[in-house]
Amino acid sequence: MILVPINTLFASEKGIVWKVNLNGTEQFTSIQTAIDHIPNSNHSFITIQISAGVYAEKLLIKKSNFELVGAGINKTIITQSIARDEWRCEHGDDWGVATVNVDSASSINFRDLTIENVYGFNQLETKTINCPLDTNKIKIVQSTGHQMAFRSFYATKLKFINCYFRSKGGDTMSPWNTTDGMFYLYNCVLEGGVDFYCPRGWAYAENCQFYSHNGPAAIWHDGSLHEDAKSVLVNCTFNGFDQFQLGRFHRDAQFYIINCHFAENMANQNIYQVKTNNTLSWPGRVYYYNCDKPGTTNNFFKNNIDQAIDLPEALHFNANWVFKNRWNAVEQ
C-alpha cells in the first residue's frame, strides 16, 4: 500500500485564512467566535488557524466548508469536562454533550489538534445527583461513563489529520450519521472507555493509535441503514489495560481490520455481537487481513478477507474504495 505523505493531505485551496489567538493579537480570541463568523451559506473554503494554547471551549458547529488547524497535538488543546449522564439530566438531547459538537454540516477538516473531555480524569469518584429528566429523579454518575470529546449528528465528509481524541469514558470519538456519514482519520490518537471509537456510516482510519482505559470493547460500528456501510482500520495499533477487548456491535456492522497490530495483553476475543433486540440483516461481518499479536496462540484475527463480498482490486484498501465516488477524502 502506498501511503500519501502527510504534507499533501491538505493541499486544497486556502484563499481565506482567519487566525485565533488567546492573547488577542489575531482576529479572534476564541474558536467559537471565528466559527460563528462563517456565513451560513458558505461556499468558499475557510481555514481557521488556532495558535498554541488551552482553549476551554465547547464548540457548537453548524457551518460547512472550513477547517480548524492547530499548532500540533498537545499544543492546541480544546477541552471540556462533561459527563453525558449528568448532561442528559437537564437536556432533552445530546446537542452540546461533547467538547466539539457538529450538527448537519459538511466538508469540515480538523488538523493538528487535541480534543478532550477530561471528566473522568478529574472526577474519580462515583456521585449521585438530582436528575429532573430521569424517571427516578436521581442519577448515579460514574467516572467511566459516556464522555464524548467529539460528537457529530447528521454531518458528513469530516476529516481528521494528526488529531488526539482523549477521554476516560465511553464514546470519546462519535461521528454519527448512518444515512450518509463519511469520516476519514489519518495519524490520529484515540483513547477512552467502552466503544470509544464508534462511527456510524462509512469510516476509514489509517495509521491511528487506540488506547483502551476500561470497558468491554474499544471500537464499535453502526452500518444498519446500508449494506455497504463499513468501518475500515488500516495499519492501526491497539493497546490498553490488561485483557482489554477489541470491539463489539449491537446493530448491523461491518469491520475491516487490515495490517493492524494488537498488544500482547489484548484479550484473544473476536469483535463480538452484544445481546440485542435489534434485528440484524447482515450479521457477523468482521474481516481481518495481515494482522499480528505477540505471543498469541488463538488467532481469532486470522485472514478471512476472502469471505467479504466487497473487496478492492489487489486488496488495495484505501479511502477511495470505502467512499467510492461520493468523496475523494485524500485529495479534497
Protein backbone atom coordinates (compact mmCIF):
# COMPACT_ATOMS: atom_id res chain seq x y z
CA MET A 1 0.00 0.00 0.00
CA ILE A 2 1.30 3.45 -0.92
CA LEU A 3 0.73 5.98 1.85
CA VAL A 4 0.09 9.59 0.93
CA PRO A 5 2.66 11.93 2.54
CA ILE A 6 1.12 13.85 5.41
CA ASN A 7 2.02 17.23 3.94
CA THR A 8 -0.07 16.60 0.83
CA LEU A 9 -3.29 15.73 2.59
CA PHE A 10 -4.39 19.35 2.89
CA ALA A 11 -3.23 20.71 -0.42
CA SER A 12 -6.61 22.26 -1.27
CA GLU A 13 -7.03 25.96 -1.95
CA LYS A 14 -7.00 28.10 1.19
CA GLY A 15 -7.85 31.54 -0.11
CA ILE A 16 -9.40 32.68 3.18
CA VAL A 17 -7.39 32.35 6.39
CA TRP A 18 -8.55 33.51 9.80
CA LYS A 19 -6.45 33.32 12.96
CA VAL A 20 -7.30 32.64 16.59
CA ASN A 21 -5.00 33.53 19.48
CA LEU A 22 -5.78 33.67 23.18
CA ASN A 23 -3.63 36.77 23.73
CA GLY A 24 -5.71 38.99 21.43
CA THR A 25 -3.09 39.59 18.74
CA GLU A 26 -5.18 37.98 15.96
CA GLN A 27 -8.69 38.50 14.58
CA PHE A 28 -10.33 36.20 17.14
CA THR A 29 -9.66 35.22 20.74
CA SER A 30 -12.00 32.21 20.70
CA ILE A 31 -12.54 29.38 18.24
CA GLN A 32 -16.34 29.55 18.53
CA THR A 33 -16.37 33.25 17.61
CA ALA A 34 -14.40 32.51 14.45
CA ILE A 35 -16.76 29.68 13.50
CA ASP A 36 -19.78 31.91 14.12
CA HIS A 37 -18.41 34.43 11.60
CA ILE A 38 -18.57 31.87 8.78
CA PRO A 39 -21.56 32.69 6.53
CA ASN A 40 -24.44 30.22 6.78
CA SER A 41 -24.30 29.59 3.03
CA ASN A 42 -20.51 29.49 2.87
CA HIS A 43 -19.10 28.29 -0.46
CA SER A 44 -15.51 29.46 -0.05
CA PHE A 45 -13.32 27.10 1.94
CA ILE A 46 -12.07 28.89 5.06
CA THR A 47 -9.03 27.99 7.13
CA ILE A 48 -9.13 28.88 10.84
CA GLN A 49 -5.61 28.72 12.25
CA ILE A 50 -5.54 28.25 16.01
CA SER A 51 -2.39 29.20 17.93
CA ALA A 52 -0.97 27.02 20.67
CA GLY A 53 -2.86 27.19 23.95
CA VAL A 54 -5.55 25.58 26.06
CA TYR A 55 -8.99 26.61 24.81
CA ALA A 56 -11.63 25.84 27.45
CA GLU A 57 -14.44 25.96 24.91
CA LYS A 58 -17.40 23.88 23.91
CA LEU A 59 -17.71 24.13 20.14
CA LEU A 60 -21.17 24.07 18.53
CA ILE A 61 -20.76 23.76 14.77
CA LYS A 62 -23.48 24.19 12.15
CA LYS A 63 -21.31 25.70 9.40
CA SER A 64 -19.69 23.92 6.44
CA ASN A 65 -16.64 24.19 4.17
CA PHE A 66 -13.90 25.08 6.62
CA GLU A 67 -11.04 23.62 8.59
CA LEU A 68 -9.65 24.04 12.08
CA VAL A 69 -5.86 23.86 12.08
CA GLY A 70 -3.96 23.87 15.36
CA ALA A 71 -0.28 24.22 16.21
CA GLY A 72 0.07 20.49 16.89
CA ILE A 73 -1.15 17.68 19.13
CA ASN A 74 -0.83 18.72 22.78
CA LYS A 75 -0.07 22.28 21.67
CA THR A 76 -3.54 23.39 20.64
CA ILE A 77 -5.95 21.80 23.14
CA ILE A 78 -9.72 22.18 23.12
CA THR A 79 -11.04 20.96 26.45
CA GLN A 80 -14.22 20.49 28.49
CA SER A 81 -15.38 18.32 31.39
CA ILE A 82 -18.80 16.79 30.66
CA ALA A 83 -20.47 13.60 31.86
CA ARG A 84 -23.21 12.60 29.43
CA ASP A 85 -25.32 11.11 32.24
CA GLU A 86 -25.25 14.43 34.05
CA TRP A 87 -25.87 16.46 30.89
CA ARG A 88 -28.98 14.47 30.00
CA CYS A 89 -30.50 15.20 33.40
CA GLU A 90 -31.13 18.77 32.25
CA HIS A 91 -31.19 18.47 28.44
CA GLY A 92 -33.56 16.52 26.22
CA ASP A 93 -30.94 15.52 23.63
CA ASP A 94 -27.20 15.25 23.05
CA TRP A 95 -26.65 18.63 21.39
CA GLY A 96 -23.82 20.11 23.45
CA VAL A 97 -22.89 16.86 25.19
CA ALA A 98 -19.35 16.84 23.76
CA THR A 99 -16.38 19.16 23.68
CA VAL A 100 -16.83 19.51 19.90
CA ASN A 101 -20.38 19.13 18.57
CA VAL A 102 -21.22 19.14 14.83
CA ASP A 103 -24.79 19.22 13.52
CA SER A 104 -25.84 18.75 9.87
CA ALA A 105 -22.70 20.28 8.34
CA SER A 106 -20.42 19.05 5.58
CA SER A 107 -16.80 19.25 4.46
CA ILE A 108 -15.02 20.13 7.70
CA ASN A 109 -11.37 19.30 8.36
CA PHE A 110 -9.66 19.09 11.74
CA ARG A 111 -5.87 19.02 11.90
CA ASP A 112 -3.07 19.22 14.47
CA LEU A 113 -5.41 19.44 17.47
CA THR A 114 -6.15 17.79 20.77
CA ILE A 115 -9.85 17.49 21.59
CA GLU A 116 -10.50 16.19 25.08
CA ASN A 117 -13.21 15.57 27.65
CA VAL A 118 -11.43 15.38 31.00
CA TYR A 119 -14.40 14.50 33.23
CA GLY A 120 -13.17 11.00 34.05
CA PHE A 121 -9.62 12.17 34.72
CA ASN A 122 -10.79 14.84 37.18
CA GLN A 123 -13.84 13.17 38.76
CA LEU A 124 -12.50 9.89 40.10
CA GLU A 125 -15.41 9.00 42.38
CA THR A 126 -18.96 7.95 41.52
CA LYS A 127 -21.53 10.56 42.52
CA THR A 128 -25.32 10.72 42.87
CA ILE A 129 -27.11 13.79 41.55
CA ASN A 130 -30.63 15.16 41.24
CA CYS A 131 -31.90 14.36 37.76
CA PRO A 132 -35.18 16.06 36.77
CA LEU A 133 -35.42 14.18 33.46
CA ASP A 134 -34.80 10.74 34.95
CA THR A 135 -37.74 8.56 35.95
CA ASN A 136 -36.34 8.13 39.45
CA LYS A 137 -35.28 11.82 39.65
CA ILE A 138 -31.80 10.76 40.70
CA LYS A 139 -28.81 9.58 38.70
CA ILE A 140 -25.61 7.76 39.51
CA VAL A 141 -22.78 9.30 37.51
CA GLN A 142 -19.65 7.19 37.15
CA SER A 143 -16.18 8.39 36.26
CA THR A 144 -16.10 5.84 33.43
CA GLY A 145 -19.49 6.71 31.90
CA HIS A 146 -20.01 8.23 28.46
CA GLN A 147 -17.72 11.21 27.94
CA MET A 148 -17.67 12.46 24.38
CA ALA A 149 -14.80 14.57 23.12
CA PHE A 150 -16.26 14.69 19.60
CA ARG A 151 -19.89 14.14 18.63
CA SER A 152 -21.49 14.71 15.23
CA PHE A 153 -25.14 14.21 14.34
CA TYR A 154 -26.00 14.50 10.63
CA ALA A 155 -22.64 15.73 9.38
CA THR A 156 -20.69 14.11 6.56
CA LYS A 157 -17.32 14.47 4.85
CA LEU A 158 -15.42 15.05 8.08
CA LYS A 159 -11.64 14.69 8.00
CA PHE A 160 -9.24 14.39 10.96
CA ILE A 161 -5.47 14.58 10.48
CA ASN A 162 -2.93 14.48 13.34
CA CYS A 163 -5.65 14.76 15.98
CA TYR A 164 -5.77 13.46 19.54
CA PHE A 165 -9.17 12.49 20.97
CA ARG A 166 -8.95 11.96 24.69
CA SER A 167 -11.33 10.91 27.46
CA LYS A 168 -11.50 8.24 30.14
CA GLY A 169 -15.08 7.21 29.39
CA GLY A 170 -17.18 5.81 26.58
CA ASP A 171 -17.90 7.19 23.10
CA THR A 172 -14.88 9.50 23.04
CA MET A 173 -14.96 9.87 19.24
CA SER A 174 -18.55 9.62 17.99
CA PRO A 175 -19.10 10.60 14.33
CA TRP A 176 -22.71 9.52 13.86
CA ASN A 177 -24.68 9.54 10.62
CA THR A 178 -25.99 6.18 9.41
CA THR A 179 -27.64 7.77 6.35
CA ASP A 180 -24.63 9.22 4.54
CA GLY A 181 -21.89 9.82 7.11
CA MET A 182 -18.35 9.68 5.70
CA PHE A 183 -15.41 10.08 8.10
CA TYR A 184 -11.67 9.98 7.45
CA LEU A 185 -8.95 9.73 10.12
CA TYR A 186 -5.21 9.73 9.48
CA ASN A 187 -2.39 9.62 12.03
CA CYS A 188 -4.70 10.20 14.99
CA VAL A 189 -4.59 9.04 18.62
CA LEU A 190 -7.79 7.95 20.36
CA GLU A 191 -8.31 6.85 23.96
CA GLY A 192 -11.24 6.23 26.23
CA GLY A 193 -13.59 3.64 27.69
CA VAL A 194 -16.28 1.46 26.16
CA ASP A 195 -16.81 1.94 22.39
CA PHE A 196 -14.52 4.98 22.43
CA TYR A 197 -14.32 4.92 18.63
CA CYS A 198 -17.87 4.40 17.40
CA PRO A 199 -18.60 5.68 13.89
CA ARG A 200 -21.93 5.27 12.14
CA GLY A 201 -21.96 5.03 8.36
CA TRP A 202 -18.69 4.88 6.42
CA ALA A 203 -15.40 5.40 8.27
CA TYR A 204 -11.75 4.99 7.33
CA ALA A 205 -8.90 5.23 9.87
CA GLU A 206 -5.24 4.80 8.92
CA ASN A 207 -2.02 4.97 10.98
CA CYS A 208 -4.03 5.57 14.15
CA GLN A 209 -3.33 4.56 17.74
CA PHE A 210 -6.05 3.31 20.09
CA TYR A 211 -5.74 3.06 23.87
CA SER A 212 -8.46 1.49 26.00
CA HIS A 213 -8.75 2.66 29.63
CA ASN A 214 -11.72 0.49 30.61
CA GLY A 215 -14.89 -1.15 29.34
CA PRO A 216 -15.84 -4.29 27.37
CA ALA A 217 -14.75 -3.04 23.92
CA ALA A 218 -12.61 -0.39 22.23
CA ILE A 219 -14.32 0.03 18.84
CA TRP A 220 -17.92 -0.18 17.61
CA HIS A 221 -19.77 0.43 14.35
CA ASP A 222 -23.30 1.04 13.13
CA GLY A 223 -23.97 0.47 9.44
CA SER A 224 -27.57 -0.52 9.83
CA LEU A 225 -29.09 1.57 7.01
CA HIS A 226 -26.81 0.46 4.17
CA GLU A 227 -25.31 -2.94 3.49
CA ASP A 228 -22.21 -1.25 2.06
CA ALA A 229 -21.52 0.89 5.16
CA LYS A 230 -18.27 -0.09 6.86
CA SER A 231 -15.59 0.83 9.38
CA VAL A 232 -12.12 0.22 7.96
CA LEU A 233 -8.94 0.39 10.04
CA VAL A 234 -5.59 0.16 8.28
CA ASN A 235 -2.16 -0.05 9.92
CA CYS A 236 -3.52 0.87 13.35
CA THR A 237 -2.25 -0.17 16.78
CA PHE A 238 -4.31 -1.21 19.80
CA ASN A 239 -3.17 -1.03 23.42
CA GLY A 240 -4.87 -0.78 26.79
CA PHE A 241 -5.50 -2.25 30.21
CA ASP A 242 -4.84 -5.94 30.73
CA GLN A 243 -7.26 -8.11 28.72
CA PHE A 244 -8.96 -5.18 27.01
CA GLN A 245 -11.24 -6.30 24.19
CA LEU A 246 -11.05 -5.15 20.60
CA GLY A 247 -14.64 -4.42 19.64
CA ARG A 248 -18.34 -5.19 19.63
CA PHE A 249 -21.62 -4.27 17.92
CA HIS A 250 -25.34 -4.47 18.57
CA ARG A 251 -26.55 -3.06 15.24
CA ASP A 252 -25.64 -4.14 11.73
CA ALA A 253 -21.93 -3.51 11.42
CA GLN A 254 -19.08 -4.24 9.04
CA PHE A 255 -15.42 -4.15 10.14
CA TYR A 256 -12.29 -4.43 8.01
CA ILE A 257 -9.16 -4.73 10.20
CA ILE A 258 -6.17 -4.51 7.86
CA ASN A 259 -2.43 -4.66 8.70
CA CYS A 260 -3.21 -3.84 12.34
CA HIS A 261 -1.12 -4.53 15.44
CA PHE A 262 -2.60 -5.79 18.71
CA ALA A 263 -0.86 -5.55 22.08
CA GLU A 264 0.09 -8.84 23.70
CA ASN A 265 -2.22 -8.15 26.67
CA MET A 266 -5.31 -7.72 24.49
CA ALA A 267 -7.91 -10.43 25.06
CA ASN A 268 -7.96 -13.20 22.47
CA GLN A 269 -11.54 -12.46 21.55
CA ASN A 270 -13.05 -11.52 18.24
CA ILE A 271 -15.21 -8.45 17.71
CA TYR A 272 -18.49 -9.74 19.06
CA GLN A 273 -22.24 -9.15 18.91
CA VAL A 274 -23.85 -7.89 22.09
CA LYS A 275 -27.16 -9.44 23.07
CA THR A 276 -29.74 -7.20 21.45
CA ASN A 277 -33.38 -6.91 20.46
CA ASN A 278 -32.33 -5.26 17.20
CA THR A 279 -32.97 -7.25 14.04
CA LEU A 280 -29.69 -7.68 12.16
CA SER A 281 -29.92 -8.04 8.41
CA TRP A 282 -26.19 -8.61 7.79
CA PRO A 283 -24.70 -10.07 10.99
CA GLY A 284 -21.18 -11.23 11.66
CA ARG A 285 -19.24 -9.16 9.12
CA VAL A 286 -15.78 -8.90 10.69
CA TYR A 287 -12.85 -9.26 8.31
CA TYR A 288 -9.10 -9.41 9.07
CA TYR A 289 -6.06 -9.26 6.85
CA ASN A 290 -2.38 -9.44 7.80
CA CYS A 291 -2.76 -8.50 11.49
CA ASP A 292 -0.41 -9.52 14.30
CA LYS A 293 -0.35 -10.01 18.08
CA PRO A 294 2.76 -11.12 20.04
CA GLY A 295 2.54 -14.38 21.94
CA THR A 296 -0.89 -15.37 20.69
CA THR A 297 -1.98 -18.97 20.31
CA ASN A 298 -5.59 -18.22 19.41
CA ASN A 299 -5.57 -16.43 16.10
CA PHE A 300 -9.13 -15.15 16.09
CA PHE A 301 -7.84 -12.50 13.68
CA LYS A 302 -6.64 -14.97 11.05
CA ASN A 303 -7.05 -13.86 7.45
CA ASN A 304 -10.65 -14.25 6.38
CA ILE A 305 -10.85 -11.44 3.88
CA ASP A 306 -11.89 -13.86 1.17
CA GLN A 307 -15.29 -14.06 2.87
CA ALA A 308 -16.03 -10.38 2.20
CA ILE A 309 -18.35 -9.54 -0.68
CA ASP A 310 -16.91 -6.11 -1.48
CA LEU A 311 -13.14 -6.26 -1.98
CA PRO A 312 -10.81 -3.80 -3.75
CA GLU A 313 -8.61 -4.95 -6.58
CA ALA A 314 -5.31 -6.47 -5.38
CA LEU A 315 -6.53 -5.92 -1.81
CA HIS A 316 -5.77 -2.21 -2.09
CA PHE A 317 -7.66 -0.96 0.96
CA ASN A 318 -7.87 2.81 0.91
CA ALA A 319 -10.28 5.68 1.44
CA ASN A 320 -11.32 5.86 -2.21
CA TRP A 321 -12.52 2.27 -2.03
CA VAL A 322 -14.50 2.98 1.16
CA PHE A 323 -16.23 6.13 -0.06
CA LYS A 324 -16.40 5.11 -3.73
CA ASN A 325 -17.16 8.09 -6.00
CA ARG A 326 -19.01 10.07 -3.35
CA TRP A 327 -15.97 11.69 -1.75
CA ASN A 328 -12.27 11.83 -2.58
CA ALA A 329 -11.18 12.33 1.01
CA VAL A 330 -7.41 12.34 0.41
CA GLU A 331 -7.32 14.95 -2.32
CA GLN A 332 -10.04 17.27 -1.09
